[in-house]
């Protein structure tokens, strides 16, 4: 039996967009309360009864959270222009090697705006 498992995380961070016109409000330093969803997909392990232990997902995410939480995203390698789209891909690139069952990364920049990336 195949399932999709979703684990949600949150962090606070600031950023400014570097490639917008000078008068664009997102060119100024500002912050967001980000919500991240990591979606994994695959077969349930018959012995364990699950796809993966949520704790294993947490162990992969926690080092990234330490880098992201209360950071200026522009200061992180690979996020010099930290749009929601670029952040979503950055999370994928940093999570996928350690969670091969990763199917989708969703980044909620605001309560009603998100980006989804499936590699």
C-alpha atoms as a PDB file:
ATOM      1  CA  UNK A   1       0.000   0.000   0.000  1.00  0.00           C
ATOM      2  CA  UNK A   2       1.422   3.401  -1.027  1.00  0.00           C
ATOM      3  CA  UNK A   3       0.749   6.519   1.037  1.00  0.00           C
ATOM      4  CA  UNK A   4       1.607  10.201   1.099  1.00  0.00           C
ATOM      5  CA  UNK A   5       2.809  11.474   4.439  1.00  0.00           C
ATOM      6  CA  UNK A   6       2.989  15.197   5.210  1.00  0.00           C
ATOM      7  CA  UNK A   7       5.024  16.773   7.989  1.00  0.00           C
ATOM      8  CA  UNK A   8       4.647  20.481   8.740  1.00  0.00           C
ATOM      9  CA  UNK A   9       7.239  22.844  10.179  1.00  0.00           C
ATOM     10  CA  UNK A  10       7.370  26.575  10.913  1.00  0.00           C
ATOM     11  CA  UNK A  11      10.061  29.212  11.238  1.00  0.00           C
ATOM     12  CA  UNK A  12      10.437  32.982  11.289  1.00  0.00           C
ATOM     13  CA  UNK A  13      12.841  34.741   8.943  1.00  0.00           C
ATOM     14  CA  UNK A  14      13.545  38.023   7.201  1.00  0.00           C
ATOM     15  CA  UNK A  15      14.486  38.659   3.594  1.00  0.00           C
ATOM     16  CA  UNK A  16      14.494  41.215   0.858  1.00  0.00           C
ATOM     17  CA  UNK A  17      14.081  40.522  -2.817  1.00  0.00           C
ATOM     18  CA  UNK A  18      17.090  41.672  -4.778  1.00  0.00           C
ATOM     19  CA  UNK A  19      15.709  41.629  -8.319  1.00  0.00           C
ATOM     20  CA  UNK A  20      12.605  43.775  -8.017  1.00  0.00           C
ATOM     21  CA  UNK A  21      12.265  47.397  -9.137  1.00  0.00           C
ATOM     22  CA  UNK A  22      13.643  49.911  -6.637  1.00  0.00           C
ATOM     23  CA  UNK A  23      10.209  51.095  -5.517  1.00  0.00           C
ATOM     24  CA  UNK A  24       8.844  47.566  -4.927  1.00  0.00           C
ATOM     25  CA  UNK A  25       7.988  47.037  -1.251  1.00  0.00           C
ATOM     26  CA  UNK A  26       9.572  43.561  -1.209  1.00  0.00           C
ATOM     27  CA  UNK A  27      12.932  45.145  -1.968  1.00  0.00           C
ATOM     28  CA  UNK A  28      12.961  46.367   1.636  1.00  0.00           C
ATOM     29  CA  UNK A  29      13.946  44.055   4.470  1.00  0.00           C
ATOM     30  CA  UNK A  30      10.827  42.395   5.900  1.00  0.00           C
ATOM     31  CA  UNK A  31       9.850  39.172   7.628  1.00  0.00           C
ATOM     32  CA  UNK A  32       7.489  36.239   7.296  1.00  0.00           C
ATOM     33  CA  UNK A  33       6.179  33.428   9.444  1.00  0.00           C
ATOM     34  CA  UNK A  34       6.981  30.584   7.066  1.00  0.00           C
ATOM     35  CA  UNK A  35       5.238  27.231   7.036  1.00  0.00           C
ATOM     36  CA  UNK A  36       6.929  24.290   5.355  1.00  0.00           C
ATOM     37  CA  UNK A  37       5.276  21.045   4.332  1.00  0.00           C
ATOM     38  CA  UNK A  38       7.413  18.081   3.405  1.00  0.00           C
ATOM     39  CA  UNK A  39       5.414  15.439   1.535  1.00  0.00           C
ATOM     40  CA  UNK A  40       6.851  11.939   1.325  1.00  0.00           C
ATOM     41  CA  UNK A  41       5.456   9.109  -0.754  1.00  0.00           C
ATOM     42  CA  UNK A  42       6.040   5.397  -0.843  1.00  0.00           C
ATOM     43  CA  UNK A  43       5.005   1.988   0.403  1.00  0.00           C
ATOM     44  CA  UNK A  44       4.219   1.300   4.024  1.00  0.00           C
ATOM     45  CA  UNK A  45       6.804  -0.899   5.701  1.00  0.00           C
ATOM     46  CA  UNK A  46       4.759  -3.983   6.620  1.00  0.00           C
ATOM     47  CA  UNK A  47       6.813  -4.702   9.731  1.00  0.00           C
ATOM     48  CA  UNK A  48       6.758  -1.168  11.157  1.00  0.00           C
ATOM     49  CA  UNK A  49       3.309  -0.265   9.838  1.00  0.00           C
ATOM     50  CA  UNK A  50       4.423   3.157   8.600  1.00  0.00           C
ATOM     51  CA  UNK A  51       6.197   4.849   5.720  1.00  0.00           C
ATOM     52  CA  UNK A  52       8.778   6.513   7.959  1.00  0.00           C
ATOM     53  CA  UNK A  53       9.072   7.533  11.595  1.00  0.00           C
ATOM     54  CA  UNK A  54       8.148  11.218  12.003  1.00  0.00           C
ATOM     55  CA  UNK A  55      11.268  11.516  14.181  1.00  0.00           C
ATOM     56  CA  UNK A  56      13.429  10.582  11.187  1.00  0.00           C
ATOM     57  CA  UNK A  57      11.872  13.427   9.207  1.00  0.00           C
ATOM     58  CA  UNK A  58      12.489  15.783  12.125  1.00  0.00           C
ATOM     59  CA  UNK A  59      16.167  14.781  12.272  1.00  0.00           C
ATOM     60  CA  UNK A  60      16.592  15.772   8.612  1.00  0.00           C
ATOM     61  CA  UNK A  61      14.667  19.037   9.010  1.00  0.00           C
ATOM     62  CA  UNK A  62      16.112  20.294  12.319  1.00  0.00           C
ATOM     63  CA  UNK A  63      19.562  21.316  10.980  1.00  0.00           C
ATOM     64  CA  UNK A  64      17.838  23.330   8.235  1.00  0.00           C
ATOM     65  CA  UNK A  65      15.491  24.938  10.740  1.00  0.00           C
ATOM     66  CA  UNK A  66      18.521  26.004  12.774  1.00  0.00           C
ATOM     67  CA  UNK A  67      19.902  27.759   9.688  1.00  0.00           C
ATOM     68  CA  UNK A  68      16.587  29.338   8.659  1.00  0.00           C
ATOM     69  CA  UNK A  69      14.891  30.349  11.900  1.00  0.00           C
ATOM     70  CA  UNK A  70      15.358  34.030  12.793  1.00  0.00           C
ATOM     71  CA  UNK A  71      17.840  34.420   9.945  1.00  0.00           C
ATOM     72  CA  UNK A  72      18.120  36.861   7.092  1.00  0.00           C
ATOM     73  CA  UNK A  73      17.585  34.435   4.226  1.00  0.00           C
ATOM     74  CA  UNK A  74      19.720  36.527   1.849  1.00  0.00           C
ATOM     75  CA  UNK A  75      22.739  35.632   4.012  1.00  0.00           C
ATOM     76  CA  UNK A  76      22.399  31.887   3.355  1.00  0.00           C
ATOM     77  CA  UNK A  77      24.392  30.282   0.558  1.00  0.00           C
ATOM     78  CA  UNK A  78      22.104  29.755  -2.418  1.00  0.00           C
ATOM     79  CA  UNK A  79      19.420  32.175  -1.219  1.00  0.00           C
ATOM     80  CA  UNK A  80      20.806  35.505  -2.349  1.00  0.00           C
ATOM     81  CA  UNK A  81      17.425  36.178  -4.033  1.00  0.00           C
ATOM     82  CA  UNK A  82      15.105  34.390  -1.576  1.00  0.00           C
ATOM     83  CA  UNK A  83      11.786  34.397  -3.381  1.00  0.00           C
ATOM     84  CA  UNK A  84       9.255  31.845  -2.217  1.00  0.00           C
ATOM     85  CA  UNK A  85      10.054  29.839  -5.356  1.00  0.00           C
ATOM     86  CA  UNK A  86      13.803  29.872  -4.732  1.00  0.00           C
ATOM     87  CA  UNK A  87      13.329  28.986  -1.066  1.00  0.00           C
ATOM     88  CA  UNK A  88      11.139  26.024  -2.020  1.00  0.00           C
ATOM     89  CA  UNK A  89      13.803  24.681  -4.376  1.00  0.00           C
ATOM     90  CA  UNK A  90      16.531  25.340  -1.763  1.00  0.00           C
ATOM     91  CA  UNK A  91      14.631  23.309   0.836  1.00  0.00           C
ATOM     92  CA  UNK A  92      14.156  20.494  -1.713  1.00  0.00           C
ATOM     93  CA  UNK A  93      17.874  20.452  -2.562  1.00  0.00           C
ATOM     94  CA  UNK A  94      18.809  20.287   1.119  1.00  0.00           C
ATOM     95  CA  UNK A  95      16.234  17.667   2.161  1.00  0.00           C
ATOM     96  CA  UNK A  96      16.028  15.257  -0.800  1.00  0.00           C
ATOM     97  CA  UNK A  97      19.480  13.656  -0.356  1.00  0.00           C
ATOM     98  CA  UNK A  98      18.504  12.528   3.160  1.00  0.00           C
ATOM     99  CA  UNK A  99      14.840  11.766   2.477  1.00  0.00           C
ATOM    100  CA  UNK A 100      14.718   9.954  -0.869  1.00  0.00           C
ATOM    101  CA  UNK A 101      10.942   9.430  -0.489  1.00  0.00           C
ATOM    102  CA  UNK A 102      10.434  13.223  -0.710  1.00  0.00           C
ATOM    103  CA  UNK A 103       7.677  13.942  -3.236  1.00  0.00           C
ATOM    104  CA  UNK A 104       6.901  17.628  -2.682  1.00  0.00           C
ATOM    105  CA  UNK A 105       8.029  20.677  -0.752  1.00  0.00           C
ATOM    106  CA  UNK A 106       5.459  23.374  -0.060  1.00  0.00           C
ATOM    107  CA  UNK A 107       6.489  26.747   1.337  1.00  0.00           C
ATOM    108  CA  UNK A 108       3.783  29.041   2.710  1.00  0.00           C
ATOM    109  CA  UNK A 109       5.180  32.571   2.738  1.00  0.00           C
ATOM    110  CA  UNK A 110       1.944  34.037   4.031  1.00  0.00           C
ATOM    111  CA  UNK A 111      -1.347  32.585   5.172  1.00  0.00           C
ATOM    112  CA  UNK A 112      -2.712  32.672   1.633  1.00  0.00           C
ATOM    113  CA  UNK A 113       0.357  32.418  -0.621  1.00  0.00           C
ATOM    114  CA  UNK A 114       2.469  29.333  -1.197  1.00  0.00           C
ATOM    115  CA  UNK A 115       4.785  27.626  -3.662  1.00  0.00           C
ATOM    116  CA  UNK A 116       4.944  23.883  -4.325  1.00  0.00           C
ATOM    117  CA  UNK A 117       7.948  22.115  -5.838  1.00  0.00           C
ATOM    118  CA  UNK A 118       8.302  18.486  -6.890  1.00  0.00           C
ATOM    119  CA  UNK A 119      11.877  18.438  -8.110  1.00  0.00           C
END
